[in-house]
Amino acid sequence: MTLEGRIEELERKIERLEHQVYILSGKGEQPITKATPIIKPAADKLWHDKTKAAAKQPRQQVKPSASVSNEPVDYEKLLTQVWLPRIFIFVLLIGLVWGFKAASDYGFINPAVKCIAGFLISFLLIWLGLNQLKHQRDRLGQVLLGGSISLLMLTTFAMTNLYGMVSSNTAFLLHVIWIMLGIYFTQKFRSEALAILNVIGGFLVPFLIGSRSGNIVLFTAYETLLYLTFLYLSISFKYVKLYFTSAILLNLVLAFYSMIALFAGAEHAILTCAIMIQHAFLAAAFLSHNEFMKQQAGTVFASFAVTYAWVRFGFSEQGITVFLVLAMAVYIGVSIYAYYKKLQYQWTVSSILSILALFFLIYHVFAEPFIPLVLLMEGTLAVYLGQKLRTRLHQITGYIIFFIGTFMTLTADIPEVLSIETMSWIAFFSAFLFLWSAVVRDQPLKQDDKQVLSVAAALVLTLLGLYFLTMETILLTQDLTINSQHLILSAVWCLYALAVIAYGFLKGLKIARYTGIGLLLLTLLKLLFFDIPSVSMLVRAILFMGLGSIGLLVSRIFYKK
């Protein structure tokens, strides 16, 4: 291409870029100048159609680069505008409380004057806070507004509990007004700190009014509605801290109330219903408004576990079963809906919750000997499902359930040879081999890491197999003489070692052959330290001749022709 042709090509590219930048800036289409016949008619029409389609699409905000986001922190601003107001508003409130106490001790003011002064100072803090917000001093203004709400609640508490100036119903109404005022400030000035302060005060209101005749239904309804209000605020304004704080406080307040109040099981069920409502709204908010998805997913998982604990505390055995069955059915339905709607994250969470519901149902419904067997089956299916669907959370959940079932299987005593515990052991070995061949073996690991993992898994499985055979052999020979018991057990160990060596030859696995040799040496140690002191000379001779012959035979097999 000649120099003039290159210049024309560059001019065409620059003109196209200018045209596209003009469109993306939101000013519509810029007519292409026709100073030079740069673009051919067909190409011009194609370019015009593309840029016109691009102009109709919504603009995307450009993410700041790492250099822009990592700006140096202004510690002076952080200290003076953020933390100083938060610290010294509490200092001010403490000073006001002590000032009123001192003035009362010296007889300067009476209780009525103290309450009036408390309200006046609260409204003064509101005026000062609004004035600071008006002048763009947001942090200071929000702290002053939060301090005013706290002082209003403290003054109302003093009127009710310390001086008996108003009834509990009036105090409750006043506290609700202060909470609504705080919610209004939160919504108007978009302050999460104000919201957190209000939710703390709101949950403590029933304990501040000092009523001696508490109504558990009214108490639970108030706390639940208060929580739902702040849950809505946290989702609407993406207040993550408020989201966690309100969820935790509801459980703490209800747990504290259940400890200090003396009532029967029916009242416990009322508190449990509040936690169930909380979980239902948390799950619904996650499925419909995933504003901060990871935090919401973790909260839903934790909430389900906590809800199950509350259900066990407040419901009967039949009620627990009904709850778990309904939860499993609902989450299975939600997971199917999310799968067909291609809502990947919602499908993952809802399906895992259905697995957890089944996990708790197994613990609740099945007898203790059957639990390990069923958990091994559930964990294996969950891991396999996660592998096929390529979801890591399913695999993690399945492995956790599988390890719980494995631990229960290994620690349970085997009462008889033909027992459910024996079936659990067989299920463990089968599930282990299945997971290894179908899931673990194909994992994208480094060759060295995969080899180390294979060696470790083979050793663990071999030793557990030896332990299982030992337990079963002891059960089979418990009615025989000591000589017979030692003789049969050693024979089983030798046969097991030969089986492992034979498997290594058939599959070409060197680690299996070495493991089999190690089992033969372990059998020799058993003869030296356990069998010789306990058996007769004849049995010793049989054991040593048999083991020696097997060792020589194995050595001969290892020779290559």
Protein backbone atom coordinates (compact mmCIF):
# COMPACT_ATOMS: atom_id res chain seq x y z
CA MET A 1 0.00 0.00 0.00
CA THR A 2 1.29 3.46 -0.85
CA LEU A 3 1.81 6.18 1.70
CA GLU A 4 -1.30 8.04 0.56
CA GLY A 5 -3.37 4.87 0.89
CA ARG A 6 -2.16 4.31 4.44
CA ILE A 7 -3.04 7.89 5.35
CA GLU A 8 -6.55 7.46 3.93
CA GLU A 9 -6.97 4.21 5.89
CA LEU A 10 -5.94 5.93 9.11
CA GLU A 11 -8.37 8.78 8.41
CA ARG A 12 -11.18 6.28 7.95
CA LYS A 13 -10.37 4.57 11.28
CA ILE A 14 -10.16 7.89 13.13
CA GLU A 15 -13.49 9.02 11.70
CA ARG A 16 -15.18 5.78 12.72
CA LEU A 17 -13.79 6.02 16.24
CA GLU A 18 -14.94 9.63 16.59
CA HIS A 19 -18.39 8.66 15.38
CA GLN A 20 -18.65 5.77 17.86
CA VAL A 21 -17.41 7.88 20.80
CA TYR A 22 -19.99 10.53 19.94
CA ILE A 23 -22.77 7.93 19.99
CA LEU A 24 -21.64 6.34 23.27
CA SER A 25 -21.51 9.76 24.91
CA GLY A 26 -25.31 9.83 24.70
CA LYS A 27 -25.69 12.67 22.23
CA GLY A 28 -27.29 10.61 19.53
CA GLU A 29 -25.89 10.05 16.07
CA GLN A 30 -23.36 12.34 14.55
CA PRO A 31 -23.63 12.82 10.83
CA ILE A 32 -20.59 11.50 9.06
CA THR A 33 -18.76 14.19 7.20
CA LYS A 34 -18.53 13.73 3.52
CA ALA A 35 -15.40 15.74 2.91
CA THR A 36 -13.71 12.76 1.35
CA PRO A 37 -15.35 9.72 -0.20
CA ILE A 38 -13.78 7.40 2.35
CA ILE A 39 -16.37 4.62 2.82
CA LYS A 40 -18.04 2.90 -0.05
CA PRO A 41 -21.87 2.98 -0.15
CA ALA A 42 -22.37 -0.67 0.89
CA ALA A 43 -19.82 -0.46 3.64
CA ASP A 44 -21.22 2.89 4.72
CA LYS A 45 -24.71 1.42 5.11
CA LEU A 46 -23.36 -1.52 7.11
CA TRP A 47 -21.36 0.77 9.39
CA HIS A 48 -24.32 3.07 9.85
CA ASP A 49 -26.59 0.15 10.84
CA LYS A 50 -24.05 -1.14 13.37
CA THR A 51 -23.48 2.23 14.99
CA LYS A 52 -27.21 2.93 15.09
CA ALA A 53 -27.82 -0.38 16.88
CA ALA A 54 -25.01 0.40 19.27
CA ALA A 55 -26.54 3.79 20.02
CA LYS A 56 -29.84 2.18 21.06
CA GLN A 57 -28.14 -0.04 23.63
CA PRO A 58 -27.75 1.30 27.19
CA ARG A 59 -24.43 2.76 28.05
CA GLN A 60 -22.18 0.81 30.39
CA GLN A 61 -20.25 2.51 33.10
CA VAL A 62 -16.54 2.17 32.75
CA LYS A 63 -15.01 0.48 35.78
CA PRO A 64 -12.16 2.40 37.30
CA SER A 65 -8.74 0.93 36.88
CA ALA A 66 -6.75 -0.49 39.74
CA SER A 67 -4.67 2.63 39.92
CA VAL A 68 -7.75 4.78 40.34
CA SER A 69 -9.44 2.55 42.97
CA ASN A 70 -6.33 2.27 45.09
CA GLU A 71 -6.21 5.90 46.07
CA PRO A 72 -4.30 6.74 49.25
CA VAL A 73 -6.47 6.80 52.38
CA ASP A 74 -6.97 10.21 53.96
CA TYR A 75 -6.48 9.19 57.58
CA GLU A 76 -7.11 12.70 58.87
CA LYS A 77 -10.52 12.75 57.22
CA LEU A 78 -11.26 9.22 58.39
CA LEU A 79 -10.38 10.12 61.97
CA THR A 80 -11.95 13.57 62.24
CA GLN A 81 -15.08 13.13 60.09
CA VAL A 82 -15.96 9.49 60.68
CA TRP A 83 -14.72 8.19 64.02
CA LEU A 84 -14.57 11.31 66.18
CA PRO A 85 -18.32 12.02 65.88
CA ARG A 86 -19.18 8.39 66.56
CA ILE A 87 -17.02 8.24 69.67
CA PHE A 88 -17.92 11.57 71.20
CA ILE A 89 -21.67 11.30 70.66
CA PHE A 90 -21.57 8.46 73.19
CA VAL A 91 -19.38 10.59 75.45
CA LEU A 92 -21.99 13.34 75.20
CA LEU A 93 -24.86 10.99 76.03
CA ILE A 94 -23.02 9.59 79.05
CA GLY A 95 -22.26 13.13 80.19
CA LEU A 96 -25.94 14.08 79.89
CA VAL A 97 -27.01 11.07 81.95
CA TRP A 98 -24.48 11.84 84.68
CA GLY A 99 -25.38 15.54 84.57
CA PHE A 100 -29.04 14.81 85.14
CA LYS A 101 -28.11 12.41 87.95
CA ALA A 102 -25.92 15.01 89.65
CA ALA A 103 -28.54 17.75 89.29
CA SER A 104 -31.15 15.43 90.78
CA ASP A 105 -28.88 14.48 93.71
CA TYR A 106 -28.30 18.14 94.58
CA GLY A 107 -32.01 18.91 94.32
CA PHE A 108 -31.75 21.31 91.39
CA ILE A 109 -34.30 19.56 89.16
CA ASN A 110 -37.10 17.07 89.64
CA PRO A 111 -37.91 14.02 87.45
CA ALA A 112 -40.41 15.93 85.29
CA VAL A 113 -37.84 18.61 84.47
CA LYS A 114 -35.24 15.95 83.64
CA CYS A 115 -37.60 14.21 81.19
CA ILE A 116 -38.58 17.52 79.56
CA ALA A 117 -34.92 18.49 79.27
CA GLY A 118 -34.15 15.11 77.73
CA PHE A 119 -36.77 15.61 75.02
CA LEU A 120 -35.64 19.20 74.38
CA ILE A 121 -32.00 18.16 73.99
CA SER A 122 -33.08 15.34 71.66
CA PHE A 123 -34.96 17.76 69.40
CA LEU A 124 -32.00 20.15 69.56
CA LEU A 125 -29.73 17.32 68.32
CA ILE A 126 -32.20 16.65 65.51
CA TRP A 127 -32.11 20.33 64.48
CA LEU A 128 -28.31 20.38 64.63
CA GLY A 129 -28.08 17.15 62.65
CA LEU A 130 -30.38 18.43 59.92
CA ASN A 131 -28.42 21.66 59.78
CA GLN A 132 -25.12 19.77 59.37
CA LEU A 133 -26.60 17.64 56.61
CA LYS A 134 -27.83 20.78 54.89
CA HIS A 135 -24.25 22.06 54.77
CA GLN A 136 -22.92 18.78 53.34
CA ARG A 137 -21.38 17.61 56.62
CA ASP A 138 -23.01 14.21 56.28
CA ARG A 139 -21.08 12.13 58.81
CA LEU A 140 -21.52 14.59 61.64
CA GLY A 141 -25.18 15.14 60.81
CA GLN A 142 -25.95 11.43 60.76
CA VAL A 143 -24.23 10.90 64.10
CA LEU A 144 -26.23 13.73 65.68
CA LEU A 145 -29.49 12.27 64.37
CA GLY A 146 -28.55 8.85 65.71
CA GLY A 147 -27.70 10.35 69.10
CA SER A 148 -31.06 12.11 69.19
CA ILE A 149 -32.94 8.83 68.64
CA SER A 150 -30.91 7.16 71.41
CA LEU A 151 -31.62 10.03 73.82
CA LEU A 152 -35.34 9.92 73.00
CA MET A 153 -35.42 6.20 73.85
CA LEU A 154 -33.43 6.71 77.06
CA THR A 155 -35.73 9.53 78.16
CA THR A 156 -38.82 7.42 77.49
CA PHE A 157 -37.23 4.55 79.41
CA ALA A 158 -36.59 6.85 82.38
CA MET A 159 -40.17 8.17 82.29
CA THR A 160 -41.53 4.62 82.44
CA ASN A 161 -39.19 2.49 84.54
CA LEU A 162 -37.48 5.00 86.83
CA TYR A 163 -40.17 7.56 87.56
CA GLY A 164 -43.44 5.81 86.61
CA MET A 165 -44.75 8.91 84.86
CA VAL A 166 -46.38 7.07 81.92
CA SER A 167 -47.89 3.62 81.43
CA SER A 168 -46.30 0.78 79.51
CA ASN A 169 -48.72 1.20 76.60
CA THR A 170 -47.86 4.89 76.28
CA ALA A 171 -44.16 4.13 76.46
CA PHE A 172 -44.52 1.48 73.78
CA LEU A 173 -46.30 3.95 71.51
CA LEU A 174 -43.58 6.57 72.07
CA HIS A 175 -40.84 4.07 71.29
CA VAL A 176 -42.59 3.09 68.06
CA ILE A 177 -42.76 6.78 67.11
CA TRP A 178 -39.02 7.19 67.73
CA ILE A 179 -38.28 4.10 65.64
CA MET A 180 -40.43 5.38 62.79
CA LEU A 181 -38.61 8.70 63.00
CA GLY A 182 -35.29 6.89 62.79
CA ILE A 183 -36.49 4.88 59.78
CA TYR A 184 -37.55 8.13 58.11
CA PHE A 185 -34.10 9.61 58.67
CA THR A 186 -32.49 6.41 57.37
CA GLN A 187 -34.52 6.47 54.18
CA LYS A 188 -34.15 10.19 53.61
CA PHE A 189 -30.40 10.49 54.21
CA ARG A 190 -29.36 6.95 53.15
CA SER A 191 -27.50 6.26 56.40
CA GLU A 192 -26.79 2.63 57.31
CA ALA A 193 -25.37 3.66 60.69
CA LEU A 194 -28.70 5.27 61.59
CA ALA A 195 -30.52 2.12 60.51
CA ILE A 196 -28.31 -0.12 62.67
CA LEU A 197 -28.80 2.16 65.67
CA ASN A 198 -32.56 2.08 65.15
CA VAL A 199 -32.77 -1.66 64.77
CA ILE A 200 -30.83 -2.16 68.02
CA GLY A 201 -33.12 0.22 69.87
CA GLY A 202 -36.20 -1.23 68.22
CA PHE A 203 -35.47 -4.78 69.30
CA LEU A 204 -34.86 -3.61 72.88
CA VAL A 205 -38.12 -1.65 73.15
CA PRO A 206 -40.15 -4.49 74.75
CA PHE A 207 -37.50 -4.73 77.47
CA LEU A 208 -37.39 -0.94 77.99
CA ILE A 209 -41.08 -0.33 78.62
CA GLY A 210 -41.00 -2.34 81.87
CA SER A 211 -44.32 -4.14 81.48
CA ARG A 212 -44.97 -6.87 84.08
CA SER A 213 -47.77 -8.53 82.11
CA GLY A 214 -46.09 -9.37 78.83
CA ASN A 215 -48.08 -10.76 75.91
CA ILE A 216 -45.94 -13.25 73.98
CA VAL A 217 -48.07 -13.01 70.85
CA LEU A 218 -47.80 -9.20 70.78
CA PHE A 219 -44.09 -9.39 71.60
CA THR A 220 -43.37 -11.89 68.81
CA ALA A 221 -45.50 -10.01 66.29
CA TYR A 222 -43.76 -6.72 67.08
CA GLU A 223 -40.24 -8.18 66.83
CA THR A 224 -41.07 -10.01 63.60
CA LEU A 225 -42.64 -6.96 61.91
CA LEU A 226 -39.72 -4.82 63.03
CA TYR A 227 -37.27 -7.30 61.52
CA LEU A 228 -39.18 -7.47 58.23
CA THR A 229 -39.13 -3.67 58.05
CA PHE A 230 -35.38 -3.48 58.39
CA LEU A 231 -34.93 -6.46 56.07
CA TYR A 232 -36.79 -4.46 53.43
CA LEU A 233 -34.55 -1.45 54.07
CA SER A 234 -31.37 -3.54 53.86
CA ILE A 235 -32.41 -5.12 50.56
CA SER A 236 -33.68 -1.85 49.07
CA PHE A 237 -30.57 0.18 49.90
CA LYS A 238 -28.06 -2.71 49.82
CA TYR A 239 -27.15 -2.31 53.50
CA VAL A 240 -25.17 -5.51 54.10
CA LYS A 241 -24.28 -4.70 57.72
CA LEU A 242 -27.92 -3.95 58.52
CA TYR A 243 -28.91 -7.19 56.79
CA PHE A 244 -26.70 -9.26 59.09
CA THR A 245 -27.31 -7.20 62.23
CA SER A 246 -31.11 -7.40 62.06
CA ALA A 247 -31.06 -11.16 61.34
CA ILE A 248 -28.76 -11.90 64.28
CA LEU A 249 -30.59 -9.59 66.69
CA LEU A 250 -33.96 -11.22 66.09
CA ASN A 251 -32.57 -14.61 67.12
CA LEU A 252 -30.73 -13.17 70.13
CA VAL A 253 -33.74 -11.25 71.39
CA LEU A 254 -36.11 -14.21 71.05
CA ALA A 255 -33.57 -16.55 72.68
CA PHE A 256 -33.10 -14.13 75.59
CA TYR A 257 -36.85 -13.78 76.02
CA SER A 258 -37.29 -17.56 76.06
CA MET A 259 -34.68 -17.83 78.83
CA ILE A 260 -36.07 -15.12 81.12
CA ALA A 261 -39.75 -15.97 80.62
CA LEU A 262 -41.26 -19.05 82.21
CA PHE A 263 -43.80 -20.57 79.85
CA ALA A 264 -44.80 -23.93 78.37
CA GLY A 265 -44.21 -25.53 74.98
CA ALA A 266 -47.00 -23.68 73.19
CA GLU A 267 -45.26 -20.35 73.80
CA HIS A 268 -41.99 -21.82 72.51
CA ALA A 269 -43.79 -22.72 69.29
CA ILE A 270 -44.86 -19.06 68.87
CA LEU A 271 -41.24 -17.90 69.06
CA THR A 272 -40.24 -20.64 66.62
CA CYS A 273 -42.85 -19.44 64.14
CA ALA A 274 -41.12 -16.03 64.13
CA ILE A 275 -37.82 -17.67 63.16
CA MET A 276 -39.57 -19.68 60.45
CA ILE A 277 -41.05 -16.47 59.05
CA GLN A 278 -37.58 -14.93 59.12
CA HIS A 279 -36.12 -17.81 57.13
CA ALA A 280 -38.99 -17.72 54.63
CA PHE A 281 -38.47 -14.01 53.93
CA LEU A 282 -34.69 -14.39 53.76
CA ALA A 283 -35.08 -17.15 51.19
CA ALA A 284 -37.70 -15.18 49.25
CA ALA A 285 -35.48 -12.08 49.25
CA PHE A 286 -32.55 -14.12 47.95
CA LEU A 287 -34.60 -15.73 45.19
CA SER A 288 -36.18 -12.47 44.03
CA HIS A 289 -33.76 -9.65 45.00
CA ASN A 290 -30.19 -10.94 44.85
CA GLU A 291 -28.62 -7.55 45.55
CA PHE A 292 -25.58 -8.99 47.36
CA MET A 293 -25.80 -12.61 46.33
CA LYS A 294 -22.93 -14.25 48.20
CA GLN A 295 -23.84 -12.71 51.56
CA GLN A 296 -27.50 -13.59 51.06
CA ALA A 297 -26.69 -17.19 50.13
CA GLY A 298 -24.56 -17.69 53.23
CA THR A 299 -27.25 -16.14 55.41
CA VAL A 300 -29.93 -18.41 53.97
CA PHE A 301 -27.81 -21.50 54.70
CA ALA A 302 -27.13 -20.36 58.28
CA SER A 303 -30.75 -19.36 58.75
CA PHE A 304 -31.98 -22.81 57.74
CA ALA A 305 -29.69 -24.50 60.25
CA VAL A 306 -30.75 -22.07 63.01
CA THR A 307 -34.41 -22.51 62.08
CA TYR A 308 -34.04 -26.27 62.38
CA ALA A 309 -32.55 -25.81 65.86
CA TRP A 310 -35.50 -23.61 66.85
CA VAL A 311 -37.97 -26.14 65.42
CA ARG A 312 -36.40 -28.91 67.49
CA PHE A 313 -36.70 -26.62 70.50
CA GLY A 314 -40.29 -25.50 69.98
CA PHE A 315 -42.13 -28.24 68.06
CA SER A 316 -43.13 -31.80 68.81
CA GLU A 317 -41.61 -34.79 67.02
CA GLN A 318 -44.43 -34.80 64.50
CA GLY A 319 -44.08 -31.06 63.96
CA ILE A 320 -40.34 -31.42 63.28
CA THR A 321 -41.02 -34.10 60.67
CA VAL A 322 -43.69 -32.00 58.98
CA PHE A 323 -41.38 -28.97 58.87
CA LEU A 324 -38.50 -30.91 57.32
CA VAL A 325 -40.70 -32.64 54.75
CA LEU A 326 -42.33 -29.34 53.73
CA ALA A 327 -38.95 -27.57 53.57
CA MET A 328 -37.49 -30.31 51.41
CA ALA A 329 -40.52 -30.31 49.10
CA VAL A 330 -40.53 -26.52 48.76
CA TYR A 331 -36.83 -26.29 48.00
CA ILE A 332 -37.01 -29.14 45.51
CA GLY A 333 -39.81 -27.28 43.74
CA VAL A 334 -37.86 -24.01 43.80
CA SER A 335 -34.72 -25.72 42.50
CA ILE A 336 -36.68 -27.25 39.59
CA TYR A 337 -38.18 -23.85 38.76
CA ALA A 338 -34.78 -22.12 38.96
CA TYR A 339 -33.19 -24.84 36.82
CA TYR A 340 -35.67 -24.37 33.98
CA LYS A 341 -35.43 -20.59 34.28
CA LYS A 342 -31.62 -20.91 34.11
CA LEU A 343 -31.13 -19.13 37.44
CA GLN A 344 -27.86 -20.86 38.23
CA TYR A 345 -27.11 -19.38 41.64
CA GLN A 346 -30.68 -19.71 42.92
CA TRP A 347 -30.85 -23.29 41.65
CA THR A 348 -27.60 -24.18 43.40
CA VAL A 349 -28.66 -22.73 46.76
CA SER A 350 -32.20 -24.14 46.73
CA SER A 351 -31.05 -27.63 45.71
CA ILE A 352 -28.39 -27.66 48.45
CA LEU A 353 -31.03 -26.57 50.98
CA SER A 354 -33.18 -29.52 49.91
CA ILE A 355 -30.15 -31.78 50.50
CA LEU A 356 -29.69 -30.26 53.96
CA ALA A 357 -33.39 -30.75 54.73
CA LEU A 358 -33.01 -34.40 53.77
CA PHE A 359 -29.89 -34.62 55.97
CA PHE A 360 -31.80 -33.35 59.02
CA LEU A 361 -34.77 -35.56 58.16
CA ILE A 362 -32.53 -38.62 58.15
CA TYR A 363 -31.24 -37.73 61.59
CA HIS A 364 -34.77 -37.23 62.87
CA VAL A 365 -36.63 -40.16 61.31
CA PHE A 366 -34.19 -43.07 61.09
CA ALA A 367 -33.00 -45.15 64.02
CA GLU A 368 -29.41 -44.59 65.09
CA PRO A 369 -27.87 -47.74 63.47
CA PHE A 370 -29.37 -46.81 60.07
CA ILE A 371 -28.20 -43.18 60.02
CA PRO A 372 -24.59 -43.80 58.85
CA LEU A 373 -25.74 -46.02 55.98
CA VAL A 374 -28.29 -43.50 54.70
CA LEU A 375 -25.87 -40.56 55.09
CA LEU A 376 -23.23 -42.40 53.05
CA MET A 377 -25.77 -42.90 50.28
CA GLU A 378 -26.95 -39.27 50.38
CA GLY A 379 -23.41 -37.87 50.44
CA THR A 380 -22.31 -40.05 47.53
CA LEU A 381 -25.29 -39.00 45.41
CA ALA A 382 -24.72 -35.32 46.23
CA VAL A 383 -21.04 -35.49 45.23
CA TYR A 384 -21.88 -37.32 42.01
CA LEU A 385 -24.61 -34.81 41.21
CA GLY A 386 -22.21 -31.93 41.79
CA GLN A 387 -19.64 -33.57 39.53
CA LYS A 388 -22.10 -34.07 36.69
CA LEU A 389 -23.57 -30.57 36.99
CA ARG A 390 -20.15 -28.99 37.67
CA THR A 391 -21.24 -27.21 40.84
CA ARG A 392 -18.62 -27.04 43.57
CA LEU A 393 -21.09 -26.30 46.38
CA HIS A 394 -22.92 -29.57 45.75
CA GLN A 395 -19.66 -31.47 45.91
CA ILE A 396 -18.59 -29.75 49.13
CA THR A 397 -21.98 -30.44 50.73
CA GLY A 398 -21.86 -34.06 49.58
CA TYR A 399 -18.34 -34.57 50.92
CA ILE A 400 -19.32 -33.13 54.30
CA ILE A 401 -22.31 -35.49 54.56
CA PHE A 402 -20.18 -38.41 53.35
CA PHE A 403 -17.49 -37.73 55.96
CA ILE A 404 -20.11 -37.48 58.71
CA GLY A 405 -21.50 -40.86 57.65
CA THR A 406 -17.96 -42.26 57.45
CA PHE A 407 -17.11 -41.04 60.95
CA MET A 408 -20.28 -42.57 62.37
CA THR A 409 -19.54 -45.84 60.57
CA LEU A 410 -15.95 -46.08 61.80
CA THR A 411 -16.80 -45.24 65.39
CA ALA A 412 -19.84 -47.52 65.73
CA ASP A 413 -19.43 -50.95 67.33
CA ILE A 414 -20.30 -53.98 65.21
CA PRO A 415 -22.55 -56.20 67.39
CA GLU A 416 -22.94 -59.08 64.91
CA VAL A 417 -21.50 -60.26 61.61
CA LEU A 418 -24.82 -59.82 59.83
CA SER A 419 -25.88 -56.40 61.08
CA ILE A 420 -26.71 -52.95 59.80
CA GLU A 421 -23.26 -51.79 60.95
CA THR A 422 -21.66 -54.37 58.66
CA MET A 423 -23.80 -53.08 55.80
CA SER A 424 -22.60 -49.56 56.60
CA TRP A 425 -18.98 -50.69 56.30
CA ILE A 426 -19.67 -52.39 52.97
CA ALA A 427 -21.50 -49.27 51.78
CA PHE A 428 -18.52 -47.14 52.82
CA PHE A 429 -16.05 -49.22 50.80
CA SER A 430 -18.39 -49.27 47.80
CA ALA A 431 -19.03 -45.52 47.96
CA PHE A 432 -15.32 -44.78 48.42
CA LEU A 433 -14.35 -46.77 45.34
CA PHE A 434 -17.22 -45.30 43.34
CA LEU A 435 -16.32 -41.72 44.22
CA TRP A 436 -12.66 -42.37 43.50
CA SER A 437 -13.33 -43.81 40.04
CA ALA A 438 -16.15 -41.45 39.04
CA VAL A 439 -15.10 -38.14 40.64
CA VAL A 440 -11.68 -37.89 42.28
CA ARG A 441 -9.56 -39.74 39.74
CA ASP A 442 -10.47 -37.34 36.91
CA GLN A 443 -9.76 -34.17 38.84
CA PRO A 444 -7.38 -31.74 37.05
CA LEU A 445 -4.45 -32.13 39.44
CA LYS A 446 -0.72 -32.10 38.87
CA GLN A 447 0.80 -35.51 38.24
CA ASP A 448 2.80 -35.45 41.47
CA ASP A 449 -0.20 -34.34 43.53
CA LYS A 450 -2.41 -36.99 41.96
CA GLN A 451 0.20 -39.68 42.70
CA VAL A 452 0.50 -38.63 46.34
CA LEU A 453 -3.29 -38.59 46.67
CA SER A 454 -3.54 -42.05 45.10
CA VAL A 455 -0.95 -43.50 47.47
CA ALA A 456 -2.63 -41.96 50.52
CA ALA A 457 -6.10 -43.18 49.46
CA ALA A 458 -4.80 -46.71 48.78
CA LEU A 459 -3.08 -46.93 52.17
CA VAL A 460 -6.10 -45.62 54.07
CA LEU A 461 -8.51 -47.91 52.27
CA THR A 462 -6.24 -50.94 52.76
CA LEU A 463 -5.79 -50.34 56.48
CA LEU A 464 -9.53 -49.77 56.98
CA GLY A 465 -10.18 -53.01 55.10
CA LEU A 466 -7.78 -54.81 57.40
CA TYR A 467 -9.53 -53.37 60.46
CA PHE A 468 -12.96 -54.38 59.15
CA LEU A 469 -11.84 -57.94 58.39
CA THR A 470 -10.27 -58.17 61.85
CA MET A 471 -13.51 -57.10 63.56
CA GLU A 472 -15.60 -59.52 61.52
CA THR A 473 -13.17 -62.39 62.13
CA ILE A 474 -13.19 -61.76 65.89
CA LEU A 475 -16.99 -61.91 65.86
CA LEU A 476 -16.98 -65.15 63.88
CA THR A 477 -14.42 -66.88 66.12
CA GLN A 478 -15.46 -65.54 69.52
CA ASP A 479 -16.81 -68.95 70.58
CA LEU A 480 -13.62 -70.83 69.59
CA THR A 481 -10.45 -71.43 71.56
CA ILE A 482 -7.63 -68.88 71.80
CA ASN A 483 -5.41 -70.99 69.53
CA SER A 484 -8.10 -71.19 66.87
CA GLN A 485 -8.84 -67.47 67.07
CA HIS A 486 -5.20 -66.48 66.52
CA LEU A 487 -4.71 -69.05 63.80
CA ILE A 488 -7.79 -68.00 61.81
CA LEU A 489 -7.11 -64.28 62.20
CA SER A 490 -3.53 -64.63 60.98
CA ALA A 491 -4.74 -66.71 58.05
CA VAL A 492 -7.25 -63.99 57.15
CA TRP A 493 -4.49 -61.37 57.26
CA CYS A 494 -2.30 -63.49 54.97
CA LEU A 495 -5.12 -64.08 52.49
CA TYR A 496 -5.91 -60.36 52.51
CA ALA A 497 -2.25 -59.53 51.76
CA LEU A 498 -2.20 -62.06 48.90
CA ALA A 499 -5.41 -60.56 47.49
CA VAL A 500 -3.89 -57.09 47.51
CA ILE A 501 -0.72 -58.33 45.80
CA ALA A 502 -2.76 -60.22 43.20
CA TYR A 503 -4.80 -57.10 42.49
CA GLY A 504 -1.59 -55.16 42.01
CA PHE A 505 -0.36 -57.70 39.44
CA LEU A 506 -3.68 -57.79 37.58
CA LYS A 507 -4.01 -54.01 37.38
CA GLY A 508 -0.30 -53.30 37.03
CA LEU A 509 -0.29 -51.16 40.19
CA LYS A 510 3.07 -51.09 41.90
CA ILE A 511 1.63 -49.34 44.98
CA ALA A 512 -0.82 -52.23 45.48
CA ARG A 513 1.97 -54.81 45.30
CA TYR A 514 4.06 -52.88 47.81
CA THR A 515 1.06 -52.48 50.09
CA GLY A 516 0.48 -56.25 50.00
CA ILE A 517 4.09 -56.89 50.98
CA GLY A 518 3.66 -54.41 53.81
CA LEU A 519 0.63 -56.39 55.01
CA LEU A 520 2.71 -59.56 55.05
CA LEU A 521 5.35 -57.84 57.19
CA LEU A 522 2.58 -56.50 59.46
CA THR A 523 1.31 -60.06 59.83
CA LEU A 524 4.81 -61.14 60.85
CA LEU A 525 4.87 -58.44 63.54
CA LYS A 526 1.50 -59.68 64.77
CA LEU A 527 2.91 -63.19 65.10
CA LEU A 528 5.95 -61.97 67.04
CA PHE A 529 4.24 -59.65 69.51
CA PHE A 530 0.68 -61.01 69.87
CA ASP A 531 0.49 -64.63 68.82
CA ILE A 532 3.66 -66.16 70.31
CA PRO A 533 2.82 -65.25 73.94
CA SER A 534 -0.75 -66.55 73.62
CA VAL A 535 -0.74 -69.74 71.54
CA SER A 536 0.67 -73.25 71.91
CA MET A 537 3.86 -74.52 70.30
CA LEU A 538 1.90 -76.41 67.63
CA VAL A 539 0.01 -73.33 66.57
CA ARG A 540 3.24 -71.31 66.53
CA ALA A 541 4.75 -73.85 64.20
CA ILE A 542 1.74 -73.80 61.89
CA LEU A 543 1.67 -69.99 61.82
CA PHE A 544 5.36 -69.56 61.09
CA MET A 545 5.49 -72.34 58.50
CA GLY A 546 2.43 -70.96 56.75
CA LEU A 547 3.62 -67.35 56.76
CA GLY A 548 7.13 -68.36 55.71
CA SER A 549 5.79 -70.39 52.78
CA ILE A 550 3.59 -67.52 51.66
CA GLY A 551 6.49 -65.09 51.86
CA LEU A 552 8.71 -67.33 49.73
CA LEU A 553 5.89 -67.87 47.24
CA VAL A 554 5.38 -64.13 46.91
CA SER A 555 9.10 -63.65 46.42
CA ARG A 556 9.04 -66.24 43.62
CA ILE A 557 6.10 -64.53 41.95
CA PHE A 558 8.04 -61.27 41.79
CA TYR A 559 10.75 -62.90 39.65
CA LYS A 560 10.25 -62.14 35.97
CA LYS A 561 10.73 -64.80 33.38
